[in-house]
Amino acid sequence: MRATAIVPIKRFDRAKSRLSATALAPHRPALAKAMLDDVLLGLRESQLIDRIVVVSSEQAALEIASAAGAEHLDDPDEPGHSAAASAGVTDAIAHGAECVALIPGDCPLLDSAELDRELDAQAPGVAVIPDRHGTGTNGLILSPPDAITPAFGPDSRRRHLELARAAGVRCRIATIPSMALDLDTGADLEALAAALAADPGRAPATAAALARLEGEPA
């Protein structure tokens, strides 16, 4: 099923606040920018994504979106990830989309073939893409786009399944290994570094950003 990809992005100076206790604290904006570059690269390589919309008030994100051939939807008040995703859904419906993929900006390992496999399998209803811990949601595939209202945050996998049941729509778990790891904590950072070391060709912008940071004097 062909889809519009919606990518909500916080302002880079507010991004990844949970990394504030790590050595990367001063470099969170640069890392957020690099991850967005890689997410958009993965989406551009998809065969089933018709349109990419970045929802953000961040000027640099607008520039990255434009360079990647994506569109930009302003999010001036930044009420949160779920609200930004919903704004993208409203925009997608206005443009005639029959399916949306809600994609986070901090899953730089995104593999287009894995995403396309799940889009190709999508029937009307909801597909929940879980995080690596199995309790959160790193993405949603919705057909129609307003099948449920996104409700990201802690324990959101359970919440999205309940919302789908309450709406009376089909729901499934979509396993996309390359989207299981998002970057929120120091442990996530270690897991990301290990994944990049094992496969140096992945997430080139994020890998380069981390390499630059590692090369800086302590």
N, C-alpha and C. Protein backbone atom coordinates (compact mmCIF):
# COMPACT_ATOMS: atom_id res chain seq x y z
N MET A 1 0.84 -1.19 0.00
CA MET A 1 0.00 0.00 0.00
C MET A 1 0.88 1.25 0.00
N ARG A 2 0.61 2.17 -0.91
CA ARG A 2 1.41 3.39 -0.98
C ARG A 2 0.96 4.35 0.12
N ALA A 3 1.91 5.13 0.63
CA ALA A 3 1.62 5.93 1.83
C ALA A 3 2.34 7.27 1.80
N THR A 4 1.82 8.17 2.63
CA THR A 4 2.51 9.42 2.96
C THR A 4 3.26 9.19 4.27
N ALA A 5 4.54 9.54 4.29
CA ALA A 5 5.34 9.44 5.52
C ALA A 5 5.28 10.77 6.25
N ILE A 6 5.00 10.72 7.54
CA ILE A 6 4.93 11.90 8.39
C ILE A 6 6.02 11.79 9.45
N VAL A 7 6.87 12.81 9.53
CA VAL A 7 8.02 12.78 10.44
C VAL A 7 7.96 13.99 11.38
N PRO A 8 7.44 13.83 12.59
CA PRO A 8 7.43 14.95 13.55
C PRO A 8 8.82 15.17 14.13
N ILE A 9 9.24 16.44 14.20
CA ILE A 9 10.58 16.78 14.68
C ILE A 9 10.50 17.94 15.67
N LYS A 10 11.06 17.73 16.87
CA LYS A 10 11.20 18.83 17.82
C LYS A 10 12.26 19.81 17.34
N ARG A 11 12.23 21.04 17.88
CA ARG A 11 13.34 21.94 17.63
C ARG A 11 14.61 21.27 18.14
N PHE A 12 15.67 21.40 17.36
CA PHE A 12 16.88 20.64 17.66
C PHE A 12 17.47 20.97 19.03
N ASP A 13 17.28 22.20 19.51
CA ASP A 13 17.84 22.53 20.82
C ASP A 13 17.03 21.93 21.97
N ARG A 14 15.85 21.36 21.65
CA ARG A 14 15.03 20.68 22.65
C ARG A 14 15.08 19.17 22.52
N ALA A 15 15.69 18.70 21.45
CA ALA A 15 15.66 17.28 21.14
C ALA A 15 16.57 16.48 22.07
N LYS A 16 16.18 15.23 22.28
CA LYS A 16 17.00 14.27 23.01
C LYS A 16 17.37 14.75 24.40
N SER A 17 16.39 15.29 25.12
CA SER A 17 16.66 15.83 26.45
C SER A 17 17.15 14.77 27.42
N ARG A 18 16.79 13.50 27.17
CA ARG A 18 17.22 12.44 28.07
C ARG A 18 18.70 12.11 27.92
N LEU A 19 19.35 12.70 26.91
CA LEU A 19 20.80 12.54 26.77
C LEU A 19 21.56 13.63 27.52
N SER A 20 20.84 14.49 28.24
CA SER A 20 21.48 15.61 28.92
C SER A 20 22.49 15.17 29.96
N ALA A 21 22.32 13.95 30.49
CA ALA A 21 23.23 13.46 31.52
C ALA A 21 24.44 12.75 30.93
N THR A 22 24.55 12.71 29.61
CA THR A 22 25.68 12.04 28.97
C THR A 22 26.66 13.06 28.42
N ALA A 23 27.80 12.55 27.96
CA ALA A 23 28.84 13.43 27.40
C ALA A 23 28.37 14.09 26.11
N LEU A 24 27.28 13.57 25.52
CA LEU A 24 26.78 14.13 24.26
C LEU A 24 25.85 15.32 24.46
N ALA A 25 25.63 15.71 25.71
CA ALA A 25 24.66 16.76 25.99
C ALA A 25 24.84 18.01 25.12
N PRO A 26 26.06 18.54 24.97
CA PRO A 26 26.21 19.76 24.16
C PRO A 26 25.98 19.53 22.67
N HIS A 27 25.98 18.26 22.26
CA HIS A 27 25.93 17.94 20.83
C HIS A 27 24.58 17.39 20.39
N ARG A 28 23.57 17.50 21.26
CA ARG A 28 22.26 16.95 20.91
C ARG A 28 21.68 17.54 19.63
N PRO A 29 21.77 18.86 19.40
CA PRO A 29 21.23 19.39 18.14
C PRO A 29 21.90 18.80 16.90
N ALA A 30 23.22 18.67 16.93
CA ALA A 30 23.93 18.12 15.78
C ALA A 30 23.54 16.67 15.54
N LEU A 31 23.36 15.93 16.62
CA LEU A 31 22.98 14.53 16.48
C LEU A 31 21.55 14.39 15.96
N ALA A 32 20.65 15.23 16.46
CA ALA A 32 19.26 15.20 15.98
C ALA A 32 19.20 15.52 14.48
N LYS A 33 19.99 16.48 14.04
CA LYS A 33 20.04 16.84 12.62
C LYS A 33 20.53 15.66 11.78
N ALA A 34 21.59 15.02 12.24
CA ALA A 34 22.16 13.90 11.49
C ALA A 34 21.17 12.74 11.39
N MET A 35 20.47 12.46 12.49
CA MET A 35 19.50 11.37 12.45
C MET A 35 18.36 11.67 11.49
N LEU A 36 17.90 12.91 11.46
CA LEU A 36 16.86 13.28 10.51
C LEU A 36 17.35 13.08 9.08
N ASP A 37 18.58 13.46 8.80
CA ASP A 37 19.16 13.22 7.47
C ASP A 37 19.03 11.75 7.07
N ASP A 38 19.37 10.86 8.01
CA ASP A 38 19.36 9.43 7.70
C ASP A 38 17.95 8.87 7.58
N VAL A 39 17.04 9.34 8.42
CA VAL A 39 15.64 8.90 8.31
C VAL A 39 15.08 9.29 6.94
N LEU A 40 15.33 10.52 6.52
CA LEU A 40 14.82 10.96 5.21
C LEU A 40 15.48 10.21 4.07
N LEU A 41 16.75 9.85 4.24
CA LEU A 41 17.42 9.03 3.22
C LEU A 41 16.70 7.70 3.08
N GLY A 42 16.39 7.06 4.21
CA GLY A 42 15.68 5.78 4.15
C GLY A 42 14.31 5.92 3.52
N LEU A 43 13.60 6.99 3.84
CA LEU A 43 12.27 7.20 3.27
C LEU A 43 12.34 7.48 1.77
N ARG A 44 13.36 8.21 1.33
CA ARG A 44 13.50 8.49 -0.11
C ARG A 44 13.75 7.20 -0.89
N GLU A 45 14.38 6.23 -0.26
CA GLU A 45 14.68 4.97 -0.95
C GLU A 45 13.49 4.02 -0.99
N SER A 46 12.44 4.33 -0.24
CA SER A 46 11.24 3.49 -0.23
C SER A 46 10.55 3.52 -1.59
N GLN A 47 10.03 2.38 -1.98
CA GLN A 47 9.27 2.29 -3.24
C GLN A 47 7.79 2.57 -3.03
N LEU A 48 7.35 2.63 -1.76
CA LEU A 48 5.92 2.75 -1.48
C LEU A 48 5.55 4.03 -0.74
N ILE A 49 6.52 4.90 -0.54
CA ILE A 49 6.24 6.21 0.05
C ILE A 49 6.09 7.21 -1.08
N ASP A 50 4.89 7.79 -1.21
CA ASP A 50 4.61 8.75 -2.27
C ASP A 50 5.03 10.17 -1.90
N ARG A 51 4.97 10.48 -0.60
CA ARG A 51 5.15 11.85 -0.16
C ARG A 51 5.73 11.82 1.25
N ILE A 52 6.65 12.73 1.53
CA ILE A 52 7.27 12.82 2.86
C ILE A 52 6.99 14.21 3.40
N VAL A 53 6.46 14.27 4.63
CA VAL A 53 6.14 15.54 5.27
C VAL A 53 6.83 15.61 6.62
N VAL A 54 7.70 16.60 6.81
CA VAL A 54 8.35 16.85 8.09
C VAL A 54 7.53 17.90 8.83
N VAL A 55 7.10 17.58 10.04
CA VAL A 55 6.28 18.49 10.85
C VAL A 55 7.17 19.07 11.94
N SER A 56 7.47 20.37 11.85
CA SER A 56 8.43 20.96 12.77
C SER A 56 8.41 22.48 12.68
N SER A 57 8.86 23.12 13.75
CA SER A 57 9.10 24.56 13.71
C SER A 57 10.59 24.87 13.60
N GLU A 58 11.39 23.83 13.45
CA GLU A 58 12.85 23.98 13.39
C GLU A 58 13.29 24.40 11.98
N GLN A 59 13.92 25.56 11.86
CA GLN A 59 14.33 26.06 10.55
C GLN A 59 15.31 25.11 9.87
N ALA A 60 16.24 24.55 10.64
CA ALA A 60 17.20 23.62 10.05
C ALA A 60 16.51 22.37 9.53
N ALA A 61 15.44 21.92 10.21
CA ALA A 61 14.69 20.76 9.74
C ALA A 61 14.00 21.07 8.42
N LEU A 62 13.50 22.32 8.28
CA LEU A 62 12.89 22.75 7.03
C LEU A 62 13.92 22.66 5.89
N GLU A 63 15.13 23.11 6.17
CA GLU A 63 16.18 23.08 5.15
C GLU A 63 16.56 21.66 4.78
N ILE A 64 16.64 20.79 5.79
CA ILE A 64 16.96 19.39 5.53
C ILE A 64 15.85 18.74 4.71
N ALA A 65 14.60 19.03 5.08
CA ALA A 65 13.47 18.48 4.35
C ALA A 65 13.50 18.92 2.89
N SER A 66 13.73 20.20 2.67
CA SER A 66 13.77 20.73 1.31
C SER A 66 14.87 20.06 0.49
N ALA A 67 16.06 19.90 1.10
CA ALA A 67 17.17 19.28 0.39
C ALA A 67 16.89 17.82 0.06
N ALA A 68 16.04 17.18 0.89
CA ALA A 68 15.72 15.77 0.68
C ALA A 68 14.50 15.58 -0.22
N GLY A 69 13.93 16.68 -0.70
CA GLY A 69 12.74 16.56 -1.54
C GLY A 69 11.47 16.31 -0.75
N ALA A 70 11.53 16.56 0.56
CA ALA A 70 10.36 16.39 1.41
C ALA A 70 9.64 17.72 1.57
N GLU A 71 8.40 17.65 2.02
CA GLU A 71 7.63 18.86 2.31
C GLU A 71 7.74 19.18 3.79
N HIS A 72 7.33 20.40 4.15
CA HIS A 72 7.46 20.86 5.53
C HIS A 72 6.13 21.43 6.00
N LEU A 73 5.70 21.01 7.17
CA LEU A 73 4.48 21.52 7.80
C LEU A 73 4.88 22.18 9.11
N ASP A 74 4.53 23.45 9.26
CA ASP A 74 4.96 24.19 10.45
C ASP A 74 4.24 23.68 11.70
N ASP A 75 4.98 23.66 12.80
CA ASP A 75 4.46 23.22 14.10
C ASP A 75 4.87 24.26 15.14
N PRO A 76 4.33 25.48 15.08
CA PRO A 76 4.87 26.59 15.86
C PRO A 76 4.77 26.42 17.37
N ASP A 77 3.72 25.75 17.85
CA ASP A 77 3.53 25.65 19.29
C ASP A 77 4.18 24.41 19.91
N GLU A 78 4.57 23.45 19.08
CA GLU A 78 5.19 22.20 19.54
C GLU A 78 4.44 21.59 20.73
N PRO A 79 3.17 21.25 20.57
CA PRO A 79 2.42 20.67 21.68
C PRO A 79 2.83 19.24 22.02
N GLY A 80 3.64 18.60 21.17
CA GLY A 80 4.10 17.26 21.45
C GLY A 80 4.09 16.38 20.22
N HIS A 81 4.73 15.20 20.36
CA HIS A 81 4.91 14.29 19.23
C HIS A 81 3.56 13.83 18.66
N SER A 82 2.64 13.46 19.56
CA SER A 82 1.35 12.95 19.08
C SER A 82 0.57 14.03 18.35
N ALA A 83 0.58 15.26 18.88
CA ALA A 83 -0.14 16.36 18.24
C ALA A 83 0.48 16.69 16.88
N ALA A 84 1.81 16.66 16.80
CA ALA A 84 2.47 16.93 15.52
C ALA A 84 2.13 15.84 14.51
N ALA A 85 2.11 14.59 14.97
CA ALA A 85 1.73 13.49 14.07
C ALA A 85 0.29 13.68 13.59
N SER A 86 -0.60 14.09 14.48
CA SER A 86 -2.00 14.30 14.09
C SER A 86 -2.13 15.44 13.08
N ALA A 87 -1.32 16.49 13.25
CA ALA A 87 -1.34 17.58 12.27
C ALA A 87 -0.91 17.07 10.90
N GLY A 88 0.09 16.19 10.89
CA GLY A 88 0.52 15.59 9.63
C GLY A 88 -0.56 14.73 9.02
N VAL A 89 -1.31 13.99 9.85
CA VAL A 89 -2.41 13.17 9.37
C VAL A 89 -3.48 14.04 8.71
N THR A 90 -3.83 15.14 9.37
CA THR A 90 -4.83 16.05 8.80
C THR A 90 -4.39 16.56 7.44
N ASP A 91 -3.10 16.92 7.34
CA ASP A 91 -2.56 17.40 6.07
C ASP A 91 -2.60 16.30 5.01
N ALA A 92 -2.26 15.08 5.40
CA ALA A 92 -2.25 13.97 4.45
C ALA A 92 -3.65 13.70 3.92
N ILE A 93 -4.65 13.75 4.80
CA ILE A 93 -6.03 13.54 4.37
C ILE A 93 -6.45 14.63 3.37
N ALA A 94 -6.04 15.87 3.66
CA ALA A 94 -6.37 16.98 2.76
C ALA A 94 -5.75 16.79 1.38
N HIS A 95 -4.63 16.06 1.34
CA HIS A 95 -3.97 15.80 0.06
C HIS A 95 -4.40 14.47 -0.56
N GLY A 96 -5.42 13.83 0.02
CA GLY A 96 -5.99 12.63 -0.58
C GLY A 96 -5.30 11.33 -0.23
N ALA A 97 -4.45 11.33 0.79
CA ALA A 97 -3.75 10.10 1.17
C ALA A 97 -4.73 9.08 1.73
N GLU A 98 -4.50 7.82 1.40
CA GLU A 98 -5.32 6.72 1.93
C GLU A 98 -4.60 5.96 3.03
N CYS A 99 -3.31 6.23 3.18
CA CYS A 99 -2.50 5.54 4.18
C CYS A 99 -1.37 6.48 4.61
N VAL A 100 -1.04 6.45 5.91
CA VAL A 100 0.11 7.22 6.39
C VAL A 100 1.03 6.30 7.20
N ALA A 101 2.31 6.63 7.15
CA ALA A 101 3.31 5.98 8.01
C ALA A 101 3.88 7.07 8.90
N LEU A 102 3.66 6.94 10.21
CA LEU A 102 4.19 7.91 11.16
C LEU A 102 5.56 7.43 11.59
N ILE A 103 6.58 8.19 11.23
CA ILE A 103 7.97 7.76 11.36
C ILE A 103 8.71 8.72 12.28
N PRO A 104 9.43 8.23 13.29
CA PRO A 104 10.19 9.12 14.17
C PRO A 104 11.46 9.61 13.50
N GLY A 105 11.94 10.75 13.95
CA GLY A 105 13.17 11.30 13.38
C GLY A 105 14.42 10.78 14.04
N ASP A 106 14.28 9.84 15.00
CA ASP A 106 15.46 9.36 15.72
C ASP A 106 15.66 7.86 15.56
N CYS A 107 15.26 7.33 14.41
CA CYS A 107 15.53 5.93 14.06
C CYS A 107 16.40 5.92 12.81
N PRO A 108 17.67 6.31 12.95
CA PRO A 108 18.50 6.52 11.76
C PRO A 108 18.86 5.24 11.00
N LEU A 109 18.63 4.07 11.60
CA LEU A 109 18.94 2.81 10.93
C LEU A 109 17.84 2.38 9.97
N LEU A 110 16.79 3.18 9.85
CA LEU A 110 15.63 2.83 9.02
C LEU A 110 16.03 2.21 7.69
N ASP A 111 15.49 1.02 7.44
CA ASP A 111 15.75 0.29 6.19
C ASP A 111 14.49 0.36 5.33
N SER A 112 14.62 0.93 4.15
CA SER A 112 13.44 1.14 3.30
C SER A 112 12.79 -0.18 2.90
N ALA A 113 13.59 -1.23 2.69
CA ALA A 113 13.02 -2.51 2.28
C ALA A 113 12.14 -3.09 3.39
N GLU A 114 12.57 -2.94 4.65
CA GLU A 114 11.76 -3.43 5.76
C GLU A 114 10.46 -2.64 5.87
N LEU A 115 10.54 -1.33 5.70
CA LEU A 115 9.33 -0.52 5.75
C LEU A 115 8.40 -0.88 4.60
N ASP A 116 8.96 -1.05 3.41
CA ASP A 116 8.13 -1.38 2.25
C ASP A 116 7.44 -2.73 2.42
N ARG A 117 8.12 -3.68 3.06
CA ARG A 117 7.50 -4.99 3.30
C ARG A 117 6.23 -4.84 4.14
N GLU A 118 6.30 -4.00 5.16
CA GLU A 118 5.13 -3.81 6.02
C GLU A 118 4.05 -2.97 5.34
N LEU A 119 4.45 -2.00 4.54
CA LEU A 119 3.46 -1.24 3.78
C LEU A 119 2.75 -2.13 2.78
N ASP A 120 3.49 -3.02 2.14
CA ASP A 120 2.91 -3.92 1.16
C ASP A 120 1.92 -4.88 1.82
N ALA A 121 2.16 -5.20 3.08
CA ALA A 121 1.27 -6.12 3.81
C ALA A 121 0.08 -5.42 4.44
N GLN A 122 0.07 -4.08 4.40
CA GLN A 122 -0.96 -3.34 5.12
C GLN A 122 -2.32 -3.45 4.45
N ALA A 123 -3.30 -3.81 5.26
CA ALA A 123 -4.70 -3.76 4.85
C ALA A 123 -5.34 -2.65 5.67
N PRO A 124 -6.60 -2.29 5.38
CA PRO A 124 -7.23 -1.26 6.21
C PRO A 124 -7.12 -1.59 7.71
N GLY A 125 -6.68 -0.61 8.47
CA GLY A 125 -6.49 -0.82 9.89
C GLY A 125 -5.22 -0.15 10.40
N VAL A 126 -4.67 -0.71 11.48
CA VAL A 126 -3.54 -0.11 12.18
C VAL A 126 -2.41 -1.13 12.28
N ALA A 127 -1.19 -0.68 12.03
CA ALA A 127 0.00 -1.48 12.29
C ALA A 127 0.87 -0.71 13.28
N VAL A 128 1.18 -1.35 14.39
CA VAL A 128 2.01 -0.74 15.44
C VAL A 128 3.43 -1.25 15.28
N ILE A 129 4.37 -0.31 15.17
CA ILE A 129 5.79 -0.65 15.05
C ILE A 129 6.42 -0.45 16.43
N PRO A 130 6.72 -1.52 17.16
CA PRO A 130 7.19 -1.36 18.54
C PRO A 130 8.66 -0.97 18.63
N ASP A 131 9.04 -0.43 19.80
CA ASP A 131 10.45 -0.17 20.05
C ASP A 131 11.13 -1.45 20.51
N ARG A 132 12.43 -1.37 20.75
CA ARG A 132 13.19 -2.58 21.07
C ARG A 132 12.85 -3.15 22.44
N HIS A 133 12.21 -2.35 23.28
CA HIS A 133 11.82 -2.82 24.61
C HIS A 133 10.46 -3.51 24.59
N GLY A 134 9.72 -3.32 23.50
CA GLY A 134 8.44 -3.99 23.35
C GLY A 134 7.27 -3.28 23.99
N THR A 135 7.49 -2.14 24.63
CA THR A 135 6.40 -1.44 25.31
C THR A 135 6.04 -0.12 24.63
N GLY A 136 6.98 0.49 23.95
CA GLY A 136 6.73 1.76 23.27
C GLY A 136 6.37 1.56 21.81
N THR A 137 6.06 2.67 21.15
CA THR A 137 5.73 2.66 19.72
C THR A 137 6.70 3.57 18.99
N ASN A 138 7.45 3.00 18.05
CA ASN A 138 8.36 3.81 17.25
C ASN A 138 7.75 4.25 15.93
N GLY A 139 6.61 3.73 15.59
CA GLY A 139 5.94 4.15 14.36
C GLY A 139 4.57 3.53 14.25
N LEU A 140 3.74 4.12 13.42
CA LEU A 140 2.41 3.60 13.13
C LEU A 140 2.16 3.64 11.63
N ILE A 141 1.45 2.64 11.13
CA ILE A 141 0.92 2.67 9.78
C ILE A 141 -0.60 2.68 9.92
N LEU A 142 -1.24 3.69 9.36
CA LEU A 142 -2.67 3.87 9.52
C LEU A 142 -3.36 3.94 8.16
N SER A 143 -4.36 3.09 7.97
CA SER A 143 -5.15 3.11 6.74
C SER A 143 -6.61 2.82 7.11
N PRO A 144 -7.47 3.82 7.02
CA PRO A 144 -7.23 5.19 6.56
C PRO A 144 -6.38 5.97 7.55
N PRO A 145 -5.89 7.14 7.16
CA PRO A 145 -4.98 7.89 8.02
C PRO A 145 -5.54 8.24 9.39
N ASP A 146 -6.87 8.34 9.51
CA ASP A 146 -7.49 8.68 10.79
C ASP A 146 -8.12 7.46 11.46
N ALA A 147 -7.56 6.26 11.20
CA ALA A 147 -8.10 5.04 11.80
C ALA A 147 -8.11 5.14 13.32
N ILE A 148 -7.05 5.69 13.89
CA ILE A 148 -7.01 6.03 15.31
C ILE A 148 -6.25 7.34 15.45
N THR A 149 -6.34 7.94 16.63
CA THR A 149 -5.57 9.14 16.92
C THR A 149 -4.25 8.72 17.57
N PRO A 150 -3.10 9.14 17.05
CA PRO A 150 -1.81 8.73 17.63
C PRO A 150 -1.70 9.14 19.10
N ALA A 151 -1.12 8.25 19.90
CA ALA A 151 -0.97 8.51 21.34
C ALA A 151 0.38 7.97 21.78
N PHE A 152 1.45 8.61 21.32
CA PHE A 152 2.79 8.17 21.64
C PHE A 152 3.14 8.45 23.10
N GLY A 153 4.25 7.87 23.55
CA GLY A 153 4.68 8.06 24.92
C GLY A 153 4.88 6.72 25.61
N PRO A 154 5.19 6.73 26.91
CA PRO A 154 5.42 5.48 27.64
C PRO A 154 4.23 4.53 27.53
N ASP A 155 4.54 3.24 27.33
CA ASP A 155 3.52 2.19 27.25
C ASP A 155 2.55 2.39 26.09
N SER A 156 3.03 3.04 25.03
CA SER A 156 2.11 3.38 23.93
C SER A 156 1.75 2.20 23.04
N ARG A 157 2.55 1.13 23.07
CA ARG A 157 2.15 -0.05 22.28
C ARG A 157 0.79 -0.55 22.76
N ARG A 158 0.65 -0.75 24.07
CA ARG A 158 -0.63 -1.20 24.62
C ARG A 158 -1.74 -0.20 24.32
N ARG A 159 -1.43 1.08 24.45
CA ARG A 159 -2.44 2.12 24.25
C ARG A 159 -2.94 2.13 22.80
N HIS A 160 -2.03 1.99 21.85
CA HIS A 160 -2.44 1.99 20.45
C HIS A 160 -3.28 0.75 20.12
N LEU A 161 -2.93 -0.39 20.69
CA LEU A 161 -3.73 -1.59 20.47
C LEU A 161 -5.14 -1.40 21.04
N GLU A 162 -5.23 -0.80 22.20
CA GLU A 162 -6.55 -0.55 22.81
C GLU A 162 -7.36 0.45 21.99
N LEU A 163 -6.70 1.48 21.47
CA LEU A 163 -7.40 2.45 20.64
C LEU A 163 -7.96 1.80 19.38
N ALA A 164 -7.18 0.90 18.79
CA ALA A 164 -7.65 0.20 17.59
C ALA A 164 -8.84 -0.69 17.92
N ARG A 165 -8.77 -1.41 19.03
CA ARG A 165 -9.90 -2.26 19.42
C ARG A 165 -11.15 -1.41 19.67
N ALA A 166 -10.97 -0.28 20.35
CA ALA A 166 -12.11 0.59 20.65
C ALA A 166 -12.72 1.15 19.37
N ALA A 167 -11.87 1.38 18.35
CA ALA A 167 -12.36 1.92 17.08
C ALA A 167 -12.95 0.83 16.18
N GLY A 168 -12.76 -0.43 16.57
CA GLY A 168 -13.27 -1.53 15.77
C GLY A 168 -12.52 -1.76 14.48
N VAL A 169 -11.21 -1.43 14.47
CA VAL A 169 -10.41 -1.61 13.25
C VAL A 169 -9.38 -2.71 13.47
N ARG A 170 -8.99 -3.33 12.37
CA ARG A 170 -7.97 -4.38 12.40
C ARG A 170 -6.66 -3.80 12.93
N CYS A 171 -5.95 -4.56 13.75
CA CYS A 171 -4.67 -4.09 14.29
C CYS A 171 -3.67 -5.23 14.30
N ARG A 172 -2.43 -4.92 13.98
CA ARG A 172 -1.37 -5.91 14.00
C ARG A 172 -0.09 -5.27 14.47
N ILE A 173 0.87 -6.10 14.85
CA ILE A 173 2.21 -5.65 15.18
C ILE A 173 3.08 -5.78 13.94
N ALA A 174 3.72 -4.70 13.54
CA ALA A 174 4.61 -4.69 12.38
C ALA A 174 6.05 -4.70 12.88
N THR A 175 6.74 -5.80 12.68
CA THR A 175 8.12 -5.92 13.15
C THR A 175 9.07 -5.34 12.10
N ILE A 176 9.68 -4.20 12.43
CA ILE A 176 10.65 -3.57 11.55
C ILE A 176 11.93 -3.41 12.36
N PRO A 177 12.85 -4.38 12.28
CA PRO A 177 14.04 -4.35 13.13
C PRO A 177 14.83 -3.05 13.06
N SER A 178 14.90 -2.45 11.88
CA SER A 178 15.69 -1.23 11.74
C SER A 178 15.04 -0.02 12.39
N MET A 179 13.77 -0.15 12.80
CA MET A 179 13.09 0.93 13.51
C MET A 179 12.92 0.64 14.99
N ALA A 180 13.45 -0.48 15.46
CA ALA A 180 13.28 -0.84 16.86
C ALA A 180 14.13 0.03 17.78
N LEU A 181 15.25 0.52 17.27
CA LEU A 181 16.16 1.31 18.09
C LEU A 181 15.98 2.79 17.80
N ASP A 182 15.45 3.51 18.80
CA ASP A 182 15.42 4.96 18.73
C ASP A 182 16.38 5.48 19.79
N LEU A 183 16.79 6.71 19.67
CA LEU A 183 17.85 7.23 20.54
C LEU A 183 17.26 8.14 21.61
N ASP A 184 17.17 7.59 22.83
CA ASP A 184 16.65 8.37 23.95
C ASP A 184 17.62 8.40 25.13
N THR A 185 18.35 7.32 25.33
CA THR A 185 19.17 7.19 26.53
C THR A 185 20.61 6.84 26.18
N GLY A 186 21.47 6.87 27.21
CA GLY A 186 22.85 6.46 27.01
C GLY A 186 22.96 5.02 26.54
N ALA A 187 22.08 4.14 27.06
CA ALA A 187 22.09 2.75 26.62
C ALA A 187 21.71 2.64 25.14
N ASP A 188 20.76 3.46 24.70
CA ASP A 188 20.40 3.48 23.27
C ASP A 188 21.59 3.93 22.43
N LEU A 189 22.31 4.91 22.93
CA LEU A 189 23.48 5.40 22.20
C LEU A 189 24.53 4.30 22.04
N GLU A 190 24.75 3.54 23.10
CA GLU A 190 25.70 2.44 23.03
C GLU A 190 25.24 1.39 22.02
N ALA A 191 23.95 1.08 22.03
CA ALA A 191 23.41 0.11 21.08
C ALA A 191 23.53 0.62 19.64
N LEU A 192 23.30 1.90 19.44
CA LEU A 192 23.43 2.48 18.11
C LEU A 192 24.87 2.44 17.63
N ALA A 193 25.81 2.79 18.51
CA ALA A 193 27.23 2.75 18.15
C ALA A 193 27.65 1.33 17.77
N ALA A 194 27.15 0.34 18.50
CA ALA A 194 27.48 -1.05 18.19
C ALA A 194 26.92 -1.46 16.83
N ALA A 195 25.69 -1.03 16.53
CA ALA A 195 25.08 -1.37 15.24
C ALA A 195 25.85 -0.73 14.09
N LEU A 196 26.29 0.50 14.27
CA LEU A 196 27.04 1.19 13.22
C LEU A 196 28.42 0.56 13.04
N ALA A 197 29.04 0.12 14.14
CA ALA A 197 30.34 -0.53 14.04
C ALA A 197 30.23 -1.86 13.30
N ALA A 198 29.11 -2.56 13.50
CA ALA A 198 28.91 -3.85 12.85
C ALA A 198 28.61 -3.70 11.36
N ASP A 199 28.05 -2.57 10.98
CA ASP A 199 27.69 -2.34 9.58
C ASP A 199 27.98 -0.88 9.24
N PRO A 200 29.24 -0.58 8.88
CA PRO A 200 29.67 0.82 8.69
C PRO A 200 28.93 1.56 7.59
N GLY A 201 28.23 0.87 6.72
CA GLY A 201 27.52 1.55 5.64
C GLY A 201 26.18 2.13 6.04
N ARG A 202 25.73 1.84 7.26
CA ARG A 202 24.40 2.28 7.67
C ARG A 202 24.44 3.69 8.26
N ALA A 203 23.32 4.39 8.15
CA ALA A 203 23.13 5.70 8.77
C ALA A 203 24.37 6.59 8.62
N PRO A 204 24.75 6.93 7.39
CA PRO A 204 26.02 7.63 7.18
C PRO A 204 26.13 8.97 7.89
N ALA A 205 25.06 9.76 7.92
CA ALA A 205 25.14 11.06 8.58
C ALA A 205 25.31 10.91 10.08
N THR A 206 24.57 9.98 10.68
CA THR A 206 24.69 9.76 12.12
C THR A 206 26.05 9.18 12.47
N ALA A 207 26.52 8.24 11.67
CA ALA A 207 27.84 7.67 11.92
C ALA A 207 28.92 8.74 11.85
N ALA A 208 28.82 9.63 10.86
CA ALA A 208 29.81 10.70 10.73
C ALA A 208 29.74 11.66 11.91
N ALA A 209 28.52 11.97 12.36
CA ALA A 209 28.36 12.88 13.50
C ALA A 209 28.98 12.28 14.76
N LEU A 210 28.73 11.00 14.99
CA LEU A 210 29.30 10.35 16.17
C LEU A 210 30.82 10.27 16.07
N ALA A 211 31.33 10.03 14.87
CA ALA A 211 32.78 9.96 14.69
C ALA A 211 33.42 11.31 14.98
N ARG A 212 32.77 12.39 14.54
CA ARG A 212 33.31 13.72 14.82
C ARG A 212 33.32 14.00 16.32
N LEU A 213 32.26 13.60 16.99
CA LEU A 213 32.17 13.85 18.42
C LEU A 213 33.21 13.03 19.19
N GLU A 214 33.42 11.81 18.76
CA GLU A 214 34.42 10.96 19.42
C GLU A 214 35.82 11.52 19.22
N GLY A 215 36.02 12.23 18.11
CA GLY A 215 37.34 12.79 17.83
C GLY A 215 37.63 14.08 18.53
N GLU A 216 36.62 14.67 19.17
CA GLU A 216 36.84 15.93 19.86
C GLU A 216 37.55 15.69 21.19
N PRO A 217 38.40 16.64 21.60
CA PRO A 217 39.09 16.48 22.88
C PRO A 217 38.11 16.53 24.03
N ALA A 218 38.39 15.74 25.05
CA ALA A 218 37.52 15.70 26.23
C ALA A 218 37.61 17.00 27.01
